[in-house]
Amino acid sequence: MTEIQDTPEASFPLRAASPGETVVIVSLQGGKSFHDRLLAMGLKPGARLEVIQNRGGGRVLVDHRGSRFFLGGGMAHKVQVTLVQGESQ
């Protein structure tokens, strides 16, 4: 069984997630165009992502339901997530 850490202290920017971790989007911290862009990709609060690649300050590659997306470092910093315990690879 997996457990989602949903306390405010447990949320962090997607940019800080490590490859192999499974996270859930908690909130989006950008403006309307940022929200619209992510929503068009299906990335919204509650969406589960697997972090495929994260090179620190650069782009973050995530998998969402079989589709892979690169998010720039600035975008990844605006996506707040929580770690799903028991699903890291």
C-alpha atoms as a PDB file:
ATOM      1  CA  MET A   1       0.000   0.000   0.000  1.00  0.00           C
ATOM      2  CA  THR A   2       1.235   3.489  -0.790  1.00  0.00           C
ATOM      3  CA  GLU A   3       0.908   6.518   1.418  1.00  0.00           C
ATOM      4  CA  ILE A   4       0.849  10.128   0.292  1.00  0.00           C
ATOM      5  CA  GLN A   5       2.463  12.655   2.606  1.00  0.00           C
ATOM      6  CA  ASP A   6      -0.053  15.491   2.435  1.00  0.00           C
ATOM      7  CA  THR A   7       1.032  17.753   5.274  1.00  0.00           C
ATOM      8  CA  PRO A   8       2.116  21.257   4.221  1.00  0.00           C
ATOM      9  CA  GLU A   9       5.627  20.579   5.504  1.00  0.00           C
ATOM     10  CA  ALA A  10       5.913  17.592   3.173  1.00  0.00           C
ATOM     11  CA  SER A  11       5.327  19.571  -0.032  1.00  0.00           C
ATOM     12  CA  PHE A  12       8.288  20.779  -2.057  1.00  0.00           C
ATOM     13  CA  PRO A  13       8.981  22.054  -5.582  1.00  0.00           C
ATOM     14  CA  LEU A  14       9.060  19.409  -8.313  1.00  0.00           C
ATOM     15  CA  ARG A  15      12.508  20.763  -9.145  1.00  0.00           C
ATOM     16  CA  ALA A  16      13.774  19.157  -5.892  1.00  0.00           C
ATOM     17  CA  ALA A  17      12.440  15.646  -6.673  1.00  0.00           C
ATOM     18  CA  SER A  18      14.890  12.861  -7.454  1.00  0.00           C
ATOM     19  CA  PRO A  19      14.798  10.486 -10.436  1.00  0.00           C
ATOM     20  CA  GLY A  20      12.756   7.385  -9.653  1.00  0.00           C
ATOM     21  CA  GLU A  21      10.489   9.140  -7.152  1.00  0.00           C
ATOM     22  CA  THR A  22       6.728   9.153  -7.565  1.00  0.00           C
ATOM     23  CA  VAL A  23       5.077  12.421  -6.572  1.00  0.00           C
ATOM     24  CA  VAL A  24       1.597  13.944  -6.572  1.00  0.00           C
ATOM     25  CA  ILE A  25       0.972  17.542  -7.571  1.00  0.00           C
ATOM     26  CA  VAL A  26      -0.360  19.559  -4.628  1.00  0.00           C
ATOM     27  CA  SER A  27      -0.548  23.022  -6.184  1.00  0.00           C
ATOM     28  CA  LEU A  28       0.575  25.193  -9.080  1.00  0.00           C
ATOM     29  CA  GLN A  29       2.204  28.480  -8.091  1.00  0.00           C
ATOM     30  CA  GLY A  30       2.077  30.409 -11.372  1.00  0.00           C
ATOM     31  CA  GLY A  31      -0.217  32.725 -13.289  1.00  0.00           C
ATOM     32  CA  LYS A  32      -3.139  31.933 -15.573  1.00  0.00           C
ATOM     33  CA  SER A  33      -1.066  31.096 -18.661  1.00  0.00           C
ATOM     34  CA  PHE A  34       1.128  28.783 -16.551  1.00  0.00           C
ATOM     35  CA  HIS A  35      -1.969  27.015 -15.167  1.00  0.00           C
ATOM     36  CA  ASP A  36      -3.529  26.758 -18.629  1.00  0.00           C
ATOM     37  CA  ARG A  37      -0.345  25.312 -20.133  1.00  0.00           C
ATOM     38  CA  LEU A  38      -0.011  22.604 -17.468  1.00  0.00           C
ATOM     39  CA  LEU A  39      -3.719  21.800 -17.472  1.00  0.00           C
ATOM     40  CA  ALA A  40      -3.520  21.250 -21.247  1.00  0.00           C
ATOM     41  CA  MET A  41      -0.902  18.552 -20.525  1.00  0.00           C
ATOM     42  CA  GLY A  42      -3.101  16.985 -17.832  1.00  0.00           C
ATOM     43  CA  LEU A  43      -0.823  18.226 -15.053  1.00  0.00           C
ATOM     44  CA  LYS A  44      -3.096  19.474 -12.276  1.00  0.00           C
ATOM     45  CA  PRO A  45      -3.394  19.048  -8.510  1.00  0.00           C
ATOM     46  CA  GLY A  46      -3.869  15.356  -7.759  1.00  0.00           C
ATOM     47  CA  ALA A  47      -1.929  14.177 -10.822  1.00  0.00           C
ATOM     48  CA  ARG A  48       0.659  11.485 -10.108  1.00  0.00           C
ATOM     49  CA  LEU A  49       4.061  11.857 -11.755  1.00  0.00           C
ATOM     50  CA  GLU A  50       7.159   9.710 -11.941  1.00  0.00           C
ATOM     51  CA  VAL A  51      10.374  11.720 -12.089  1.00  0.00           C
ATOM     52  CA  ILE A  52      12.497  10.252 -14.893  1.00  0.00           C
ATOM     53  CA  GLN A  53      15.334  12.764 -15.017  1.00  0.00           C
ATOM     54  CA  ASN A  54      16.361  15.792 -12.970  1.00  0.00           C
ATOM     55  CA  ARG A  55      19.712  17.423 -13.532  1.00  0.00           C
ATOM     56  CA  GLY A  56      19.426  19.922 -10.704  1.00  0.00           C
ATOM     57  CA  GLY A  57      19.035  23.444 -12.086  1.00  0.00           C
ATOM     58  CA  GLY A  58      17.806  22.422 -15.541  1.00  0.00           C
ATOM     59  CA  ARG A  59      14.884  20.603 -17.052  1.00  0.00           C
ATOM     60  CA  VAL A  60      12.912  17.916 -15.240  1.00  0.00           C
ATOM     61  CA  LEU A  61      11.578  14.966 -17.240  1.00  0.00           C
ATOM     62  CA  VAL A  62       8.397  13.434 -15.806  1.00  0.00           C
ATOM     63  CA  ASP A  63       6.064  10.633 -16.832  1.00  0.00           C
ATOM     64  CA  HIS A  64       2.312  11.136 -16.417  1.00  0.00           C
ATOM     65  CA  ARG A  65       0.111   8.230 -17.503  1.00  0.00           C
ATOM     66  CA  GLY A  66       2.575   7.051 -20.116  1.00  0.00           C
ATOM     67  CA  SER A  67       3.302  10.502 -21.562  1.00  0.00           C
ATOM     68  CA  ARG A  68       6.637  12.153 -20.887  1.00  0.00           C
ATOM     69  CA  PHE A  69       7.072  15.877 -20.458  1.00  0.00           C
ATOM     70  CA  PHE A  70      10.083  18.115 -19.953  1.00  0.00           C
ATOM     71  CA  LEU A  71       9.442  21.041 -17.628  1.00  0.00           C
ATOM     72  CA  GLY A  72      11.994  23.838 -17.491  1.00  0.00           C
ATOM     73  CA  GLY A  73      13.613  24.583 -14.153  1.00  0.00           C
ATOM     74  CA  GLY A  74      11.450  27.670 -13.605  1.00  0.00           C
ATOM     75  CA  MET A  75       8.244  25.774 -14.320  1.00  0.00           C
ATOM     76  CA  ALA A  76       9.302  22.830 -12.159  1.00  0.00           C
ATOM     77  CA  HIS A  77       9.971  25.250  -9.303  1.00  0.00           C
ATOM     78  CA  LYS A  78       6.327  26.469  -9.465  1.00  0.00           C
ATOM     79  CA  VAL A  79       4.854  22.956  -9.188  1.00  0.00           C
ATOM     80  CA  GLN A  80       4.467  21.915  -5.534  1.00  0.00           C
ATOM     81  CA  VAL A  81       4.404  18.145  -4.965  1.00  0.00           C
ATOM     82  CA  THR A  82       4.392  15.554  -2.202  1.00  0.00           C
ATOM     83  CA  LEU A  83       6.275  12.283  -2.237  1.00  0.00           C
ATOM     84  CA  VAL A  84       4.309   9.046  -2.566  1.00  0.00           C
ATOM     85  CA  GLN A  85       5.881   6.652  -0.078  1.00  0.00           C
ATOM     86  CA  GLY A  86       6.458   3.099  -1.225  1.00  0.00           C
ATOM     87  CA  GLU A  87       6.591   3.795  -4.964  1.00  0.00           C
ATOM     88  CA  SER A  88      10.117   5.108  -5.484  1.00  0.00           C
ATOM     89  CA  GLN A  89      12.158   2.975  -7.846  1.00  0.00           C
END
